[in-house]
């Protein structure tokens, strides 16, 4: 794909002032938010799922959370986990500016692998992972437990700055993402797709019992 077409695709859905302000906050605190193309894909997924319950690993300043909240049902609740409490404070500012009722965004400060085991099995429509890349395989295991049948798990940075496709790149983050991709592709209970939006979005649907 030519760069012009890539850019056209990424900018197909224009972000509003609230999202742009959230990106400015991200720049100030050194957070890299998802691209607008990835955000549009996440909003599409939550809308198609008519999602009521979503888990997010990696709150940032609320860019991805707001995209998903805008696709979810009006009574939907986002549970978002981040190790940085300050980032979550900034995310709350983003949600407030967007007019999202406070009860629709539940922020939990802490390590994802400490928090996720406390969440309810089979309760969630979508799990979005954008945390520590070295923990991606562990996030997958937790997501499969948390998702209802027919639910979806999504991983950002699935192409990891063009490193995943380059076999000479063997740093821990790249290797972990490759291992995640293998686990997803080989799991007969998942229907996966790797979307070339942003830095790569790996998406997989958890099959209903007996579907696989």
N, C-alpha and C. Protein backbone atom coordinates (compact mmCIF):
# COMPACT_ATOMS: atom_id res chain seq x y z
N UNK A 1 0.83 -1.18 0.00
CA UNK A 1 0.00 0.00 0.00
C UNK A 1 0.88 1.25 0.00
N UNK A 2 0.55 2.19 -0.87
CA UNK A 2 1.32 3.43 -0.93
C UNK A 2 1.03 4.30 0.29
N UNK A 3 2.04 5.09 0.72
CA UNK A 3 1.84 5.94 1.90
C UNK A 3 0.61 6.83 1.80
N UNK A 4 0.31 7.35 0.61
CA UNK A 4 -0.85 8.23 0.46
C UNK A 4 -2.14 7.49 0.78
N UNK A 5 -2.24 6.24 0.33
CA UNK A 5 -3.44 5.45 0.61
C UNK A 5 -3.52 5.09 2.09
N UNK A 6 -2.37 4.77 2.68
CA UNK A 6 -2.31 4.47 4.12
C UNK A 6 -2.80 5.67 4.93
N UNK A 7 -2.27 6.84 4.62
CA UNK A 7 -2.67 8.04 5.34
C UNK A 7 -4.15 8.36 5.14
N UNK A 8 -4.62 8.16 3.92
CA UNK A 8 -6.04 8.41 3.64
C UNK A 8 -6.92 7.49 4.49
N UNK A 9 -6.52 6.23 4.60
CA UNK A 9 -7.26 5.27 5.41
C UNK A 9 -7.25 5.65 6.88
N UNK A 10 -6.07 6.04 7.39
CA UNK A 10 -5.95 6.39 8.80
C UNK A 10 -6.78 7.63 9.14
N UNK A 11 -6.89 8.54 8.20
CA UNK A 11 -7.58 9.81 8.46
C UNK A 11 -9.02 9.81 7.95
N UNK A 12 -9.51 8.63 7.57
CA UNK A 12 -10.86 8.53 7.01
C UNK A 12 -11.92 9.04 7.99
N UNK A 13 -11.74 8.73 9.27
CA UNK A 13 -12.62 9.25 10.32
C UNK A 13 -11.88 10.35 11.05
N UNK A 14 -12.41 11.55 11.03
CA UNK A 14 -11.75 12.71 11.63
C UNK A 14 -12.01 12.76 13.14
N UNK A 15 -10.97 12.99 13.91
CA UNK A 15 -11.12 13.09 15.36
C UNK A 15 -11.60 14.49 15.75
N UNK A 16 -12.40 14.57 16.80
CA UNK A 16 -12.93 15.84 17.25
C UNK A 16 -11.98 16.50 18.26
N UNK A 17 -12.39 17.64 18.79
CA UNK A 17 -11.52 18.41 19.68
C UNK A 17 -11.23 17.67 20.98
N UNK A 18 -12.17 16.86 21.45
CA UNK A 18 -11.94 16.12 22.69
C UNK A 18 -10.81 15.11 22.51
N UNK A 19 -10.84 14.37 21.42
CA UNK A 19 -9.79 13.39 21.16
C UNK A 19 -8.45 14.08 20.90
N UNK A 20 -8.48 15.19 20.21
CA UNK A 20 -7.23 15.93 19.96
C UNK A 20 -6.64 16.44 21.27
N UNK A 21 -7.49 16.87 22.19
CA UNK A 21 -7.02 17.33 23.50
C UNK A 21 -6.43 16.17 24.28
N UNK A 22 -7.04 14.99 24.17
CA UNK A 22 -6.51 13.80 24.85
C UNK A 22 -5.14 13.43 24.29
N UNK A 23 -4.97 13.60 22.98
CA UNK A 23 -3.66 13.34 22.37
C UNK A 23 -2.62 14.34 22.87
N UNK A 24 -3.03 15.58 23.04
CA UNK A 24 -2.09 16.59 23.56
C UNK A 24 -1.65 16.23 24.98
N UNK A 25 -2.57 15.73 25.79
CA UNK A 25 -2.21 15.29 27.14
C UNK A 25 -1.24 14.11 27.06
N UNK A 26 -1.48 13.22 26.12
CA UNK A 26 -0.59 12.06 25.96
C UNK A 26 0.83 12.51 25.63
N UNK A 27 0.97 13.49 24.76
CA UNK A 27 2.28 14.02 24.42
C UNK A 27 2.98 14.58 25.65
N UNK A 28 2.21 15.26 26.50
CA UNK A 28 2.78 15.89 27.69
C UNK A 28 3.34 14.88 28.68
N UNK A 29 2.72 13.71 28.77
CA UNK A 29 3.16 12.73 29.76
C UNK A 29 3.91 11.55 29.13
N UNK A 30 4.20 11.64 27.84
CA UNK A 30 5.00 10.62 27.18
C UNK A 30 4.28 9.33 26.87
N UNK A 31 2.97 9.42 26.64
CA UNK A 31 2.16 8.25 26.28
C UNK A 31 1.95 8.23 24.78
N UNK A 32 2.04 7.06 24.17
CA UNK A 32 1.76 6.92 22.74
C UNK A 32 0.36 6.33 22.57
N UNK A 33 -0.61 7.14 22.16
CA UNK A 33 -1.98 6.62 22.01
C UNK A 33 -2.15 5.85 20.71
N UNK A 34 -3.25 5.15 20.59
CA UNK A 34 -3.57 4.46 19.35
C UNK A 34 -3.77 5.48 18.23
N UNK A 35 -3.65 5.03 16.99
CA UNK A 35 -3.90 5.90 15.85
C UNK A 35 -5.40 6.11 15.67
N UNK A 36 -5.76 7.09 14.88
CA UNK A 36 -7.19 7.32 14.62
C UNK A 36 -7.80 6.15 13.87
N UNK A 37 -7.02 5.51 12.98
CA UNK A 37 -7.52 4.34 12.27
C UNK A 37 -7.81 3.18 13.22
N UNK A 38 -6.92 2.97 14.19
CA UNK A 38 -7.16 1.94 15.19
C UNK A 38 -8.36 2.29 16.05
N UNK A 39 -8.48 3.55 16.40
CA UNK A 39 -9.64 3.98 17.18
C UNK A 39 -10.94 3.72 16.45
N UNK A 40 -10.97 4.04 15.16
CA UNK A 40 -12.17 3.80 14.37
C UNK A 40 -12.50 2.31 14.31
N UNK A 41 -11.46 1.47 14.21
CA UNK A 41 -11.68 0.02 14.19
C UNK A 41 -12.25 -0.46 15.51
N UNK A 42 -11.75 0.07 16.62
CA UNK A 42 -12.26 -0.33 17.93
C UNK A 42 -13.70 0.14 18.13
N UNK A 43 -14.01 1.33 17.70
CA UNK A 43 -15.39 1.81 17.80
C UNK A 43 -16.31 0.92 16.97
N UNK A 44 -15.86 0.54 15.78
CA UNK A 44 -16.65 -0.35 14.93
C UNK A 44 -16.90 -1.68 15.64
N UNK A 45 -15.85 -2.25 16.25
CA UNK A 45 -16.00 -3.52 16.94
C UNK A 45 -16.99 -3.43 18.09
N UNK A 46 -16.88 -2.40 18.91
CA UNK A 46 -17.81 -2.28 20.03
C UNK A 46 -19.23 -2.03 19.55
N UNK A 47 -19.38 -1.32 18.43
CA UNK A 47 -20.71 -1.08 17.89
C UNK A 47 -21.32 -2.37 17.33
N UNK A 48 -20.54 -3.14 16.58
CA UNK A 48 -21.04 -4.40 16.01
C UNK A 48 -21.41 -5.38 17.11
N UNK A 49 -20.60 -5.42 18.16
CA UNK A 49 -20.86 -6.31 19.29
C UNK A 49 -22.00 -5.81 20.18
N UNK A 50 -22.42 -4.55 19.96
CA UNK A 50 -23.37 -3.90 20.87
C UNK A 50 -22.88 -4.08 22.31
N UNK A 51 -21.62 -3.75 22.49
CA UNK A 51 -20.92 -4.07 23.74
C UNK A 51 -21.48 -3.32 24.94
N UNK A 52 -21.71 -4.08 26.00
CA UNK A 52 -22.10 -3.51 27.29
C UNK A 52 -20.93 -3.49 28.27
N UNK A 53 -20.02 -4.44 28.09
CA UNK A 53 -18.91 -4.58 29.05
C UNK A 53 -17.60 -4.76 28.29
N UNK A 54 -16.66 -3.87 28.54
CA UNK A 54 -15.36 -3.89 27.86
C UNK A 54 -14.26 -3.72 28.91
N UNK A 55 -13.19 -4.49 28.75
CA UNK A 55 -11.99 -4.32 29.57
C UNK A 55 -10.89 -3.75 28.69
N UNK A 56 -10.20 -2.75 29.21
CA UNK A 56 -9.07 -2.15 28.51
C UNK A 56 -7.83 -2.26 29.39
N UNK A 57 -6.74 -2.76 28.82
CA UNK A 57 -5.46 -2.81 29.51
C UNK A 57 -4.58 -1.72 28.92
N UNK A 58 -4.33 -0.68 29.70
CA UNK A 58 -3.58 0.48 29.23
C UNK A 58 -4.50 1.65 28.97
N UNK A 59 -4.79 2.42 30.02
CA UNK A 59 -5.74 3.53 29.93
C UNK A 59 -5.18 4.69 29.12
N UNK A 60 -3.89 4.98 29.33
CA UNK A 60 -3.32 6.17 28.70
C UNK A 60 -4.08 7.41 29.15
N UNK A 61 -4.32 8.32 28.23
CA UNK A 61 -5.07 9.54 28.56
C UNK A 61 -6.50 9.48 28.04
N UNK A 62 -6.96 8.27 27.70
CA UNK A 62 -8.36 8.09 27.36
C UNK A 62 -8.70 8.09 25.88
N UNK A 63 -7.70 8.11 25.01
CA UNK A 63 -7.98 8.12 23.57
C UNK A 63 -8.71 6.85 23.15
N UNK A 64 -8.11 5.70 23.44
CA UNK A 64 -8.73 4.43 23.04
C UNK A 64 -10.03 4.20 23.79
N UNK A 65 -10.05 4.56 25.08
CA UNK A 65 -11.26 4.37 25.86
C UNK A 65 -12.44 5.15 25.31
N UNK A 66 -12.19 6.38 24.90
CA UNK A 66 -13.28 7.20 24.36
C UNK A 66 -13.77 6.65 23.03
N UNK A 67 -12.86 6.22 22.18
CA UNK A 67 -13.28 5.60 20.92
C UNK A 67 -14.22 4.42 21.20
N UNK A 68 -13.87 3.58 22.15
CA UNK A 68 -14.69 2.41 22.44
C UNK A 68 -16.01 2.78 23.09
N UNK A 69 -15.98 3.71 24.03
CA UNK A 69 -17.20 4.15 24.68
C UNK A 69 -18.21 4.70 23.68
N UNK A 70 -17.70 5.35 22.65
CA UNK A 70 -18.59 5.92 21.64
C UNK A 70 -19.24 4.86 20.75
N UNK A 71 -18.67 3.65 20.75
CA UNK A 71 -19.29 2.56 20.00
C UNK A 71 -20.17 1.67 20.84
N UNK A 72 -19.97 1.70 22.15
CA UNK A 72 -20.70 0.82 23.06
C UNK A 72 -22.15 1.26 23.22
N UNK A 73 -22.95 0.37 23.78
CA UNK A 73 -24.33 0.70 24.09
C UNK A 73 -24.37 1.87 25.08
N UNK A 74 -25.46 2.63 25.11
CA UNK A 74 -25.55 3.77 26.03
C UNK A 74 -25.40 3.40 27.50
N UNK A 75 -25.71 2.13 27.83
CA UNK A 75 -25.57 1.68 29.21
C UNK A 75 -24.28 0.89 29.41
N UNK A 76 -23.41 0.90 28.40
CA UNK A 76 -22.18 0.13 28.48
C UNK A 76 -21.18 0.70 29.47
N UNK A 77 -20.38 -0.19 30.07
CA UNK A 77 -19.37 0.21 31.06
C UNK A 77 -17.99 -0.26 30.60
N UNK A 78 -17.05 0.67 30.57
CA UNK A 78 -15.66 0.38 30.28
C UNK A 78 -14.89 0.24 31.58
N UNK A 79 -14.21 -0.89 31.74
CA UNK A 79 -13.30 -1.08 32.87
C UNK A 79 -11.89 -0.97 32.33
N UNK A 80 -11.17 0.06 32.76
CA UNK A 80 -9.86 0.33 32.18
C UNK A 80 -8.78 0.29 33.27
N UNK A 81 -7.71 -0.42 32.97
CA UNK A 81 -6.66 -0.72 33.95
C UNK A 81 -5.35 -0.09 33.50
N UNK A 82 -4.67 0.56 34.42
CA UNK A 82 -3.36 1.16 34.11
C UNK A 82 -2.55 1.24 35.38
N UNK A 83 -1.27 1.06 35.25
CA UNK A 83 -0.39 1.12 36.42
C UNK A 83 -0.13 2.56 36.86
N UNK A 84 -0.40 3.53 35.97
CA UNK A 84 -0.15 4.94 36.26
C UNK A 84 -1.44 5.66 36.63
N UNK A 85 -1.59 5.99 37.90
CA UNK A 85 -2.80 6.67 38.36
C UNK A 85 -2.95 8.05 37.73
N UNK A 86 -1.83 8.73 37.45
CA UNK A 86 -1.90 10.06 36.83
C UNK A 86 -2.48 9.97 35.42
N UNK A 87 -2.12 8.94 34.69
CA UNK A 87 -2.70 8.76 33.36
C UNK A 87 -4.21 8.60 33.45
N UNK A 88 -4.65 7.85 34.44
CA UNK A 88 -6.09 7.63 34.60
C UNK A 88 -6.81 8.92 34.99
N UNK A 89 -6.14 9.76 35.75
CA UNK A 89 -6.75 11.06 36.08
C UNK A 89 -6.96 11.87 34.80
N UNK A 90 -5.98 11.85 33.92
CA UNK A 90 -6.11 12.57 32.66
C UNK A 90 -7.18 11.94 31.76
N UNK A 91 -7.29 10.62 31.81
CA UNK A 91 -8.34 9.94 31.04
C UNK A 91 -9.71 10.36 31.52
N UNK A 92 -9.87 10.50 32.83
CA UNK A 92 -11.16 10.94 33.37
C UNK A 92 -11.51 12.33 32.87
N UNK A 93 -10.50 13.19 32.72
CA UNK A 93 -10.74 14.52 32.14
C UNK A 93 -11.27 14.38 30.72
N UNK A 94 -10.66 13.48 29.97
CA UNK A 94 -11.11 13.24 28.59
C UNK A 94 -12.56 12.78 28.57
N UNK A 95 -12.90 11.78 29.39
CA UNK A 95 -14.26 11.26 29.40
C UNK A 95 -15.25 12.33 29.83
N UNK A 96 -14.87 13.13 30.80
CA UNK A 96 -15.75 14.21 31.28
C UNK A 96 -15.99 15.23 30.19
N UNK A 97 -14.93 15.62 29.48
CA UNK A 97 -15.08 16.59 28.39
C UNK A 97 -15.97 16.04 27.28
N UNK A 98 -15.97 14.73 27.11
CA UNK A 98 -16.80 14.11 26.07
C UNK A 98 -18.23 13.89 26.52
N UNK A 99 -18.52 14.22 27.78
CA UNK A 99 -19.88 14.04 28.28
C UNK A 99 -20.21 12.60 28.66
N UNK A 100 -19.19 11.79 28.92
CA UNK A 100 -19.42 10.41 29.32
C UNK A 100 -19.77 10.37 30.81
N UNK A 101 -20.91 9.84 31.20
CA UNK A 101 -21.25 9.74 32.63
C UNK A 101 -20.19 8.96 33.39
N UNK A 102 -19.89 9.40 34.60
CA UNK A 102 -18.79 8.81 35.36
C UNK A 102 -18.99 7.31 35.61
N UNK A 103 -20.25 6.87 35.72
CA UNK A 103 -20.50 5.46 36.01
C UNK A 103 -20.22 4.55 34.81
N UNK A 104 -19.97 5.14 33.64
CA UNK A 104 -19.70 4.33 32.46
C UNK A 104 -18.22 4.02 32.28
N UNK A 105 -17.36 4.63 33.06
CA UNK A 105 -15.91 4.40 32.94
C UNK A 105 -15.34 4.09 34.32
N UNK A 106 -15.02 2.83 34.54
CA UNK A 106 -14.46 2.40 35.81
C UNK A 106 -12.96 2.26 35.66
N UNK A 107 -12.20 3.09 36.36
CA UNK A 107 -10.74 3.04 36.28
C UNK A 107 -10.19 2.28 37.47
N UNK A 108 -9.26 1.37 37.18
CA UNK A 108 -8.60 0.59 38.23
C UNK A 108 -7.10 0.77 38.07
N UNK A 109 -6.47 1.28 39.10
CA UNK A 109 -5.03 1.51 39.06
C UNK A 109 -4.31 0.27 39.58
N UNK A 110 -3.37 -0.24 38.78
CA UNK A 110 -2.61 -1.40 39.20
C UNK A 110 -2.08 -2.17 38.01
N UNK A 111 -1.28 -3.18 38.29
CA UNK A 111 -0.73 -4.05 37.24
C UNK A 111 -1.86 -4.90 36.66
N UNK A 112 -1.89 -5.00 35.34
CA UNK A 112 -2.96 -5.75 34.69
C UNK A 112 -3.03 -7.19 35.19
N UNK A 113 -1.89 -7.83 35.36
CA UNK A 113 -1.89 -9.23 35.76
C UNK A 113 -2.26 -9.42 37.23
N UNK A 114 -2.30 -8.33 37.99
CA UNK A 114 -2.85 -8.37 39.35
C UNK A 114 -4.35 -8.10 39.35
N UNK A 115 -4.79 -7.22 38.44
CA UNK A 115 -6.19 -6.80 38.42
C UNK A 115 -7.09 -7.79 37.68
N UNK A 116 -6.65 -8.26 36.51
CA UNK A 116 -7.52 -9.10 35.67
C UNK A 116 -8.04 -10.35 36.37
N UNK A 117 -7.24 -11.04 37.19
CA UNK A 117 -7.78 -12.24 37.85
C UNK A 117 -8.95 -11.94 38.78
N UNK A 118 -9.14 -10.69 39.16
CA UNK A 118 -10.24 -10.34 40.06
C UNK A 118 -11.53 -10.03 39.30
N UNK A 119 -11.48 -9.98 37.98
CA UNK A 119 -12.67 -9.67 37.19
C UNK A 119 -13.46 -10.96 36.90
N UNK A 120 -14.72 -10.77 36.55
CA UNK A 120 -15.66 -11.90 36.44
C UNK A 120 -15.47 -12.71 35.17
N UNK A 121 -15.43 -14.02 35.32
CA UNK A 121 -15.29 -14.93 34.18
C UNK A 121 -16.48 -14.80 33.23
N UNK A 122 -16.20 -14.86 31.91
CA UNK A 122 -17.25 -14.93 30.90
C UNK A 122 -18.22 -13.77 30.89
N UNK A 123 -17.76 -12.61 31.34
CA UNK A 123 -18.67 -11.48 31.53
C UNK A 123 -18.53 -10.39 30.47
N UNK A 124 -17.43 -10.40 29.71
CA UNK A 124 -17.09 -9.23 28.90
C UNK A 124 -17.26 -9.49 27.40
N UNK A 125 -17.65 -8.42 26.71
CA UNK A 125 -17.86 -8.48 25.26
C UNK A 125 -16.56 -8.27 24.49
N UNK A 126 -15.68 -7.45 25.02
CA UNK A 126 -14.42 -7.15 24.34
C UNK A 126 -13.34 -6.89 25.37
N UNK A 127 -12.15 -7.38 25.09
CA UNK A 127 -10.95 -7.07 25.88
C UNK A 127 -9.93 -6.46 24.94
N UNK A 128 -9.52 -5.23 25.23
CA UNK A 128 -8.52 -4.54 24.41
C UNK A 128 -7.23 -4.42 25.18
N UNK A 129 -6.14 -4.91 24.57
CA UNK A 129 -4.84 -4.98 25.24
C UNK A 129 -3.85 -4.01 24.60
N UNK A 130 -3.36 -3.08 25.40
CA UNK A 130 -2.35 -2.13 24.94
C UNK A 130 -1.41 -1.81 26.10
N UNK A 131 -0.97 -2.87 26.79
CA UNK A 131 -0.08 -2.71 27.93
C UNK A 131 1.33 -3.17 27.62
N UNK A 132 1.96 -3.80 28.60
CA UNK A 132 3.34 -4.30 28.47
C UNK A 132 3.38 -5.40 27.41
N UNK A 133 4.10 -5.18 26.33
CA UNK A 133 4.13 -6.15 25.23
C UNK A 133 4.68 -7.51 25.67
N UNK A 134 5.55 -7.51 26.66
CA UNK A 134 6.13 -8.77 27.13
C UNK A 134 5.10 -9.63 27.86
N UNK A 135 3.96 -9.04 28.22
CA UNK A 135 2.90 -9.77 28.93
C UNK A 135 1.73 -10.14 28.03
N UNK A 136 1.88 -9.93 26.73
CA UNK A 136 0.75 -10.13 25.82
C UNK A 136 0.18 -11.56 25.87
N UNK A 137 1.03 -12.56 25.93
CA UNK A 137 0.52 -13.93 25.98
C UNK A 137 -0.27 -14.18 27.27
N UNK A 138 0.19 -13.59 28.36
CA UNK A 138 -0.55 -13.71 29.62
C UNK A 138 -1.89 -12.97 29.54
N UNK A 139 -1.90 -11.83 28.86
CA UNK A 139 -3.16 -11.11 28.66
C UNK A 139 -4.15 -11.97 27.87
N UNK A 140 -3.64 -12.68 26.87
CA UNK A 140 -4.51 -13.54 26.07
C UNK A 140 -5.18 -14.59 26.95
N UNK A 141 -4.42 -15.22 27.81
CA UNK A 141 -4.98 -16.25 28.69
C UNK A 141 -6.08 -15.66 29.57
N UNK A 142 -5.84 -14.47 30.11
CA UNK A 142 -6.85 -13.82 30.94
C UNK A 142 -8.07 -13.43 30.10
N UNK A 143 -7.84 -12.93 28.90
CA UNK A 143 -8.94 -12.50 28.05
C UNK A 143 -9.85 -13.67 27.70
N UNK A 144 -9.28 -14.83 27.41
CA UNK A 144 -10.09 -15.99 27.06
C UNK A 144 -10.99 -16.40 28.23
N UNK A 145 -10.54 -16.18 29.43
CA UNK A 145 -11.36 -16.46 30.61
C UNK A 145 -12.44 -15.40 30.80
N UNK A 146 -12.10 -14.15 30.54
CA UNK A 146 -13.02 -13.04 30.79
C UNK A 146 -14.12 -12.91 29.74
N UNK A 147 -13.82 -13.29 28.50
CA UNK A 147 -14.76 -13.08 27.41
C UNK A 147 -15.92 -14.06 27.45
N UNK A 148 -17.09 -13.56 27.11
CA UNK A 148 -18.24 -14.44 26.84
C UNK A 148 -18.01 -15.13 25.49
N UNK A 149 -18.67 -16.25 25.24
CA UNK A 149 -18.61 -16.82 23.89
C UNK A 149 -19.12 -15.81 22.87
N UNK A 150 -18.39 -15.65 21.78
CA UNK A 150 -18.73 -14.63 20.80
C UNK A 150 -18.07 -13.30 21.05
N UNK A 151 -17.39 -13.17 22.20
CA UNK A 151 -16.67 -11.95 22.51
C UNK A 151 -15.37 -11.85 21.72
N UNK A 152 -14.73 -10.69 21.81
CA UNK A 152 -13.56 -10.39 20.97
C UNK A 152 -12.41 -9.88 21.83
N UNK A 153 -11.21 -10.34 21.51
CA UNK A 153 -9.99 -9.80 22.11
C UNK A 153 -9.21 -9.07 21.01
N UNK A 154 -8.61 -7.94 21.36
CA UNK A 154 -7.86 -7.14 20.40
C UNK A 154 -6.54 -6.69 21.03
N UNK A 155 -5.47 -6.76 20.23
CA UNK A 155 -4.14 -6.35 20.70
C UNK A 155 -3.59 -5.26 19.79
N UNK A 156 -3.21 -4.13 20.40
CA UNK A 156 -2.57 -3.06 19.63
C UNK A 156 -1.09 -3.38 19.46
N UNK A 157 -0.44 -2.69 18.51
CA UNK A 157 1.00 -2.84 18.23
C UNK A 157 1.35 -4.24 17.76
N UNK A 158 0.43 -4.89 17.05
CA UNK A 158 0.68 -6.26 16.60
C UNK A 158 1.75 -6.34 15.52
N UNK A 159 2.09 -5.22 14.90
CA UNK A 159 3.19 -5.18 13.93
C UNK A 159 4.45 -4.57 14.54
N UNK A 160 4.29 -3.87 15.65
CA UNK A 160 5.40 -3.36 16.48
C UNK A 160 6.47 -2.64 15.65
N UNK A 161 6.03 -1.55 15.03
CA UNK A 161 6.93 -0.67 14.29
C UNK A 161 7.74 -1.41 13.21
N UNK A 162 7.06 -2.32 12.51
CA UNK A 162 7.66 -3.12 11.42
C UNK A 162 8.67 -4.15 11.89
N UNK A 163 8.79 -4.36 13.20
CA UNK A 163 9.79 -5.29 13.71
C UNK A 163 9.32 -6.75 13.66
N UNK A 164 8.02 -6.97 13.84
CA UNK A 164 7.51 -8.34 13.90
C UNK A 164 7.76 -9.08 12.59
N UNK A 165 7.62 -8.38 11.48
CA UNK A 165 7.80 -9.00 10.16
C UNK A 165 9.26 -9.20 9.78
N UNK A 166 10.16 -8.66 10.58
CA UNK A 166 11.61 -8.76 10.29
C UNK A 166 12.21 -9.83 11.19
N UNK A 167 12.55 -11.02 10.66
CA UNK A 167 13.05 -12.11 11.50
C UNK A 167 14.36 -11.80 12.22
N UNK A 168 15.06 -10.78 11.78
CA UNK A 168 16.32 -10.44 12.46
C UNK A 168 16.08 -9.71 13.78
N UNK A 169 14.85 -9.24 14.00
CA UNK A 169 14.52 -8.51 15.23
C UNK A 169 14.09 -9.51 16.30
N UNK A 170 14.86 -9.59 17.37
CA UNK A 170 14.60 -10.61 18.39
C UNK A 170 14.59 -10.04 19.81
N UNK A 171 14.31 -8.77 19.93
CA UNK A 171 14.21 -8.17 21.26
C UNK A 171 13.00 -8.76 22.00
N UNK A 172 12.94 -8.63 23.33
CA UNK A 172 11.87 -9.28 24.09
C UNK A 172 10.46 -8.88 23.67
N UNK A 173 10.24 -7.59 23.38
CA UNK A 173 8.90 -7.15 23.00
C UNK A 173 8.47 -7.76 21.67
N UNK A 174 9.38 -7.70 20.68
CA UNK A 174 9.06 -8.26 19.37
C UNK A 174 8.82 -9.76 19.46
N UNK A 175 9.66 -10.46 20.18
CA UNK A 175 9.52 -11.90 20.33
C UNK A 175 8.20 -12.25 21.02
N UNK A 176 7.82 -11.46 22.01
CA UNK A 176 6.58 -11.71 22.72
C UNK A 176 5.37 -11.54 21.81
N UNK A 177 5.40 -10.51 20.97
CA UNK A 177 4.28 -10.29 20.05
C UNK A 177 4.20 -11.40 19.01
N UNK A 178 5.35 -11.87 18.53
CA UNK A 178 5.36 -13.00 17.60
C UNK A 178 4.74 -14.24 18.27
N UNK A 179 5.11 -14.48 19.52
CA UNK A 179 4.56 -15.63 20.24
C UNK A 179 3.05 -15.49 20.41
N UNK A 180 2.60 -14.29 20.73
CA UNK A 180 1.15 -14.05 20.82
C UNK A 180 0.47 -14.38 19.51
N UNK A 181 1.02 -13.90 18.41
CA UNK A 181 0.43 -14.15 17.10
C UNK A 181 0.32 -15.63 16.81
N UNK A 182 1.36 -16.37 17.19
CA UNK A 182 1.34 -17.83 16.98
C UNK A 182 0.24 -18.47 17.81
N UNK A 183 0.14 -18.07 19.08
CA UNK A 183 -0.87 -18.65 19.96
C UNK A 183 -2.28 -18.38 19.45
N UNK A 184 -2.51 -17.17 18.98
CA UNK A 184 -3.83 -16.82 18.45
C UNK A 184 -4.14 -17.61 17.19
N UNK A 185 -3.17 -17.67 16.28
CA UNK A 185 -3.39 -18.35 15.00
C UNK A 185 -3.63 -19.84 15.17
N UNK A 186 -3.01 -20.44 16.20
CA UNK A 186 -3.10 -21.88 16.39
C UNK A 186 -4.24 -22.31 17.31
N UNK A 187 -4.96 -21.35 17.88
CA UNK A 187 -6.05 -21.67 18.80
C UNK A 187 -7.33 -21.95 18.00
N UNK A 188 -7.80 -23.19 18.05
CA UNK A 188 -8.97 -23.57 17.27
C UNK A 188 -10.26 -22.93 17.77
N UNK A 189 -10.22 -22.34 18.96
CA UNK A 189 -11.41 -21.71 19.51
C UNK A 189 -11.46 -20.21 19.22
N UNK A 190 -10.55 -19.74 18.37
CA UNK A 190 -10.51 -18.33 18.01
C UNK A 190 -10.62 -18.17 16.50
N UNK A 191 -11.29 -17.09 16.08
CA UNK A 191 -11.32 -16.70 14.67
C UNK A 191 -10.54 -15.39 14.57
N UNK A 192 -9.30 -15.44 14.06
CA UNK A 192 -8.43 -14.26 14.12
C UNK A 192 -8.32 -13.51 12.80
N UNK A 193 -7.92 -12.24 12.92
CA UNK A 193 -7.56 -11.43 11.76
C UNK A 193 -6.54 -10.39 12.22
N UNK A 194 -5.54 -10.14 11.39
CA UNK A 194 -4.54 -9.11 11.68
C UNK A 194 -4.82 -7.93 10.76
N UNK A 195 -5.26 -6.83 11.36
CA UNK A 195 -5.64 -5.65 10.59
C UNK A 195 -4.45 -4.69 10.50
N UNK A 196 -4.08 -4.27 9.28
CA UNK A 196 -2.96 -3.34 9.12
C UNK A 196 -3.37 -1.89 9.32
N UNK A 197 -3.94 -1.59 10.49
CA UNK A 197 -4.27 -0.21 10.85
C UNK A 197 -3.32 0.22 11.96
N UNK A 198 -2.98 1.51 11.98
CA UNK A 198 -2.06 2.00 12.99
C UNK A 198 -0.77 1.20 12.99
N UNK A 199 -0.43 0.64 14.14
CA UNK A 199 0.76 -0.19 14.28
C UNK A 199 0.39 -1.67 14.29
N UNK A 200 -0.76 -1.99 13.70
CA UNK A 200 -1.24 -3.36 13.64
C UNK A 200 -2.21 -3.66 14.76
N UNK A 201 -3.39 -4.20 14.41
CA UNK A 201 -4.40 -4.57 15.41
C UNK A 201 -4.75 -6.04 15.18
N UNK A 202 -4.35 -6.89 16.12
CA UNK A 202 -4.66 -8.31 16.07
C UNK A 202 -5.98 -8.54 16.79
N UNK A 203 -6.96 -9.08 16.08
CA UNK A 203 -8.31 -9.25 16.61
C UNK A 203 -8.70 -10.72 16.49
N UNK A 204 -9.38 -11.24 17.51
CA UNK A 204 -9.85 -12.62 17.45
C UNK A 204 -11.17 -12.76 18.19
N UNK A 205 -12.09 -13.48 17.57
CA UNK A 205 -13.39 -13.78 18.18
C UNK A 205 -13.31 -15.11 18.90
N UNK A 206 -13.83 -15.14 20.12
CA UNK A 206 -13.94 -16.38 20.87
C UNK A 206 -15.18 -17.13 20.41
N UNK A 207 -14.98 -18.35 19.91
CA UNK A 207 -16.09 -19.11 19.36
C UNK A 207 -17.10 -19.53 20.42
N UNK A 208 -18.35 -19.68 19.98
CA UNK A 208 -19.36 -20.29 20.83
C UNK A 208 -19.02 -21.77 20.99
N UNK A 209 -19.41 -22.37 22.09
CA UNK A 209 -19.15 -23.78 22.32
C UNK A 209 -19.70 -24.61 21.18
N UNK A 210 -18.83 -25.45 20.60
CA UNK A 210 -19.26 -26.31 19.51
C UNK A 210 -19.10 -25.70 18.13
N UNK A 211 -18.74 -24.39 18.05
CA UNK A 211 -18.60 -23.73 16.75
C UNK A 211 -17.29 -24.10 16.06
N UNK A 212 -16.25 -24.30 16.87
CA UNK A 212 -14.91 -24.48 16.29
C UNK A 212 -14.81 -25.81 15.55
